[in-house]
Amino acid sequence: DLFKSIQTECFWIGLRNSTGSGWIWEGGSVFNGTKVLSNSPVQRCAVLMKDQFQASSCEVPVPWICEKSLR
């Protein structure tokens, strides 16, 4: 819901499908959220595009949303 509230065109969110067996966050946990829309098996990274998760090539240069520790 946090990601979906951000009104920007497109962000990389740290979600990959490098094994072909499912979407995994950069930290190693399994993604059990909304479906990631994909139209190609070579799209191994996910971006937040408007209000949905969309598979994308990992080489697409988009801004990142990163986790940051609180002080």
N, C-alpha and C. Protein backbone atom coordinates (compact mmCIF):
# COMPACT_ATOMS: atom_id res chain seq x y z
N ASP A 1 0.82 -1.20 0.00
CA ASP A 1 0.00 0.00 0.00
C ASP A 1 0.86 1.26 0.00
N LEU A 2 2.02 1.21 0.72
CA LEU A 2 2.92 2.37 0.72
C LEU A 2 3.40 2.67 -0.69
N PHE A 3 3.87 1.64 -1.41
CA PHE A 3 4.36 1.85 -2.77
C PHE A 3 3.27 2.40 -3.67
N LYS A 4 2.06 1.87 -3.52
CA LYS A 4 0.96 2.29 -4.39
C LYS A 4 0.52 3.73 -4.12
N SER A 5 0.86 4.29 -2.96
CA SER A 5 0.47 5.65 -2.64
C SER A 5 1.43 6.68 -3.24
N ILE A 6 2.58 6.23 -3.71
CA ILE A 6 3.56 7.13 -4.31
C ILE A 6 3.16 7.43 -5.75
N GLN A 7 2.97 8.69 -6.07
CA GLN A 7 2.47 9.07 -7.39
C GLN A 7 3.59 9.47 -8.34
N THR A 8 4.44 8.53 -8.70
CA THR A 8 5.51 8.77 -9.65
C THR A 8 5.40 7.72 -10.74
N GLU A 9 5.92 8.02 -11.90
CA GLU A 9 5.76 7.13 -13.05
C GLU A 9 6.25 5.70 -12.81
N CYS A 10 7.50 5.53 -12.38
CA CYS A 10 8.07 4.18 -12.32
C CYS A 10 9.25 4.13 -11.35
N PHE A 11 9.30 3.10 -10.49
CA PHE A 11 10.41 2.89 -9.56
C PHE A 11 10.81 1.42 -9.55
N TRP A 12 12.11 1.15 -9.43
CA TRP A 12 12.57 -0.20 -9.16
C TRP A 12 12.42 -0.40 -7.67
N ILE A 13 11.90 -1.56 -7.25
CA ILE A 13 11.54 -1.76 -5.85
C ILE A 13 12.34 -2.87 -5.16
N GLY A 14 13.36 -3.40 -5.83
CA GLY A 14 14.19 -4.43 -5.20
C GLY A 14 13.59 -5.81 -5.26
N LEU A 15 12.85 -6.10 -6.31
CA LEU A 15 12.17 -7.38 -6.46
C LEU A 15 12.67 -8.05 -7.73
N ARG A 16 13.14 -9.30 -7.61
CA ARG A 16 13.71 -10.03 -8.75
C ARG A 16 13.14 -11.43 -8.85
N ASN A 17 13.19 -11.95 -10.06
CA ASN A 17 12.80 -13.33 -10.32
C ASN A 17 13.94 -13.98 -11.09
N SER A 18 15.09 -14.10 -10.46
CA SER A 18 16.28 -14.59 -11.16
C SER A 18 16.30 -16.10 -11.34
N THR A 19 15.56 -16.84 -10.54
CA THR A 19 15.57 -18.29 -10.64
C THR A 19 14.42 -18.82 -11.49
N GLY A 20 13.46 -17.97 -11.79
CA GLY A 20 12.29 -18.41 -12.52
C GLY A 20 11.28 -19.13 -11.64
N SER A 21 11.55 -19.22 -10.33
CA SER A 21 10.66 -19.95 -9.44
C SER A 21 9.83 -19.04 -8.55
N GLY A 22 9.90 -17.77 -8.75
CA GLY A 22 9.10 -16.83 -7.96
C GLY A 22 9.85 -15.54 -7.68
N TRP A 23 9.11 -14.57 -7.23
CA TRP A 23 9.66 -13.24 -6.97
C TRP A 23 10.25 -13.18 -5.57
N ILE A 24 11.48 -12.65 -5.48
CA ILE A 24 12.22 -12.57 -4.22
C ILE A 24 12.68 -11.13 -4.02
N TRP A 25 12.52 -10.61 -2.79
CA TRP A 25 13.05 -9.28 -2.45
C TRP A 25 14.57 -9.34 -2.36
N GLU A 26 15.24 -8.23 -2.52
CA GLU A 26 16.70 -8.17 -2.44
C GLU A 26 17.23 -8.74 -1.13
N GLY A 27 16.48 -8.62 -0.06
CA GLY A 27 16.89 -9.16 1.24
C GLY A 27 16.73 -10.67 1.36
N GLY A 28 16.15 -11.32 0.35
CA GLY A 28 16.01 -12.76 0.35
C GLY A 28 14.63 -13.29 0.70
N SER A 29 13.73 -12.44 1.17
CA SER A 29 12.39 -12.93 1.53
C SER A 29 11.52 -13.07 0.28
N VAL A 30 10.59 -14.01 0.37
CA VAL A 30 9.70 -14.30 -0.75
C VAL A 30 8.60 -13.24 -0.83
N PHE A 31 8.30 -12.81 -2.04
CA PHE A 31 7.24 -11.83 -2.29
C PHE A 31 5.91 -12.58 -2.30
N ASN A 32 5.01 -12.26 -1.36
CA ASN A 32 3.70 -12.89 -1.36
C ASN A 32 2.60 -11.84 -1.48
N GLY A 33 2.86 -10.85 -2.29
CA GLY A 33 1.88 -9.78 -2.48
C GLY A 33 1.12 -9.94 -3.77
N THR A 34 0.73 -8.83 -4.31
CA THR A 34 -0.02 -8.75 -5.54
C THR A 34 0.76 -9.37 -6.69
N LYS A 35 0.06 -9.81 -7.69
CA LYS A 35 0.70 -10.39 -8.88
C LYS A 35 1.57 -9.36 -9.59
N VAL A 36 2.72 -9.82 -10.11
CA VAL A 36 3.60 -8.99 -10.92
C VAL A 36 3.23 -9.25 -12.38
N LEU A 37 2.78 -8.21 -13.09
CA LEU A 37 2.38 -8.34 -14.48
C LEU A 37 3.61 -8.49 -15.37
N SER A 38 3.57 -9.44 -16.28
CA SER A 38 4.72 -9.68 -17.15
C SER A 38 4.25 -10.09 -18.53
N ASN A 39 4.99 -9.66 -19.55
CA ASN A 39 4.66 -10.10 -20.90
C ASN A 39 5.86 -10.74 -21.59
N SER A 40 6.90 -11.07 -20.80
CA SER A 40 8.09 -11.69 -21.37
C SER A 40 8.86 -12.45 -20.28
N PRO A 41 9.33 -13.65 -20.57
CA PRO A 41 10.09 -14.40 -19.57
C PRO A 41 11.48 -13.82 -19.28
N VAL A 42 11.97 -12.90 -20.10
CA VAL A 42 13.28 -12.29 -19.84
C VAL A 42 13.20 -11.10 -18.91
N GLN A 43 12.00 -10.69 -18.53
CA GLN A 43 11.83 -9.59 -17.60
C GLN A 43 11.97 -10.13 -16.19
N ARG A 44 13.14 -9.96 -15.58
CA ARG A 44 13.47 -10.58 -14.30
C ARG A 44 13.46 -9.63 -13.11
N CYS A 45 13.18 -8.34 -13.34
CA CYS A 45 13.08 -7.37 -12.25
C CYS A 45 11.68 -6.79 -12.26
N ALA A 46 11.25 -6.28 -11.11
CA ALA A 46 9.91 -5.69 -11.03
C ALA A 46 10.03 -4.20 -10.71
N VAL A 47 9.19 -3.43 -11.33
CA VAL A 47 9.09 -2.00 -11.05
C VAL A 47 7.67 -1.70 -10.60
N LEU A 48 7.54 -0.62 -9.86
CA LEU A 48 6.22 -0.11 -9.51
C LEU A 48 5.88 0.92 -10.57
N MET A 49 4.86 0.63 -11.36
CA MET A 49 4.46 1.54 -12.43
C MET A 49 3.04 1.99 -12.15
N LYS A 50 2.92 3.26 -11.79
CA LYS A 50 1.65 3.85 -11.36
C LYS A 50 1.14 3.09 -10.14
N ASP A 51 0.15 2.23 -10.26
CA ASP A 51 -0.37 1.55 -9.06
C ASP A 51 -0.28 0.03 -9.16
N GLN A 52 0.64 -0.48 -10.01
CA GLN A 52 0.77 -1.93 -10.12
C GLN A 52 2.22 -2.36 -10.28
N PHE A 53 2.50 -3.60 -9.92
CA PHE A 53 3.83 -4.15 -10.08
C PHE A 53 3.96 -4.72 -11.48
N GLN A 54 4.98 -4.29 -12.21
CA GLN A 54 5.19 -4.67 -13.60
C GLN A 54 6.58 -5.25 -13.76
N ALA A 55 6.70 -6.42 -14.40
CA ALA A 55 8.02 -7.00 -14.68
C ALA A 55 8.72 -6.12 -15.71
N SER A 56 10.04 -6.04 -15.59
CA SER A 56 10.84 -5.20 -16.47
C SER A 56 12.21 -5.83 -16.64
N SER A 57 12.90 -5.39 -17.65
CA SER A 57 14.30 -5.78 -17.79
C SER A 57 15.09 -5.14 -16.65
N CYS A 58 16.07 -5.85 -16.14
CA CYS A 58 16.87 -5.31 -15.03
C CYS A 58 17.80 -4.19 -15.49
N GLU A 59 17.96 -4.02 -16.79
CA GLU A 59 18.85 -2.98 -17.32
C GLU A 59 18.15 -1.64 -17.53
N VAL A 60 16.84 -1.58 -17.33
CA VAL A 60 16.11 -0.32 -17.52
C VAL A 60 16.53 0.66 -16.42
N PRO A 61 16.99 1.86 -16.80
CA PRO A 61 17.43 2.84 -15.79
C PRO A 61 16.26 3.61 -15.18
N VAL A 62 15.79 3.16 -14.03
CA VAL A 62 14.70 3.84 -13.32
C VAL A 62 15.16 4.16 -11.90
N PRO A 63 14.56 5.17 -11.25
CA PRO A 63 14.92 5.46 -9.85
C PRO A 63 14.58 4.28 -8.96
N TRP A 64 15.27 4.17 -7.84
CA TRP A 64 15.06 3.09 -6.89
C TRP A 64 14.30 3.57 -5.68
N ILE A 65 13.53 2.67 -5.09
CA ILE A 65 12.98 2.87 -3.75
C ILE A 65 13.77 1.91 -2.88
N CYS A 66 14.48 2.44 -1.91
CA CYS A 66 15.37 1.61 -1.09
C CYS A 66 14.94 1.64 0.38
N GLU A 67 15.33 0.59 1.09
CA GLU A 67 15.09 0.52 2.51
C GLU A 67 16.17 1.32 3.22
N LYS A 68 15.81 2.04 4.25
CA LYS A 68 16.78 2.81 5.01
C LYS A 68 16.51 2.59 6.49
N SER A 69 17.54 2.34 7.25
CA SER A 69 17.39 2.15 8.69
C SER A 69 17.02 3.45 9.38
N LEU A 70 16.17 3.35 10.39
CA LEU A 70 15.83 4.51 11.19
C LEU A 70 16.91 4.72 12.24
N ARG A 71 17.18 5.96 12.56
CA ARG A 71 18.21 6.25 13.58
C ARG A 71 17.59 6.47 14.92
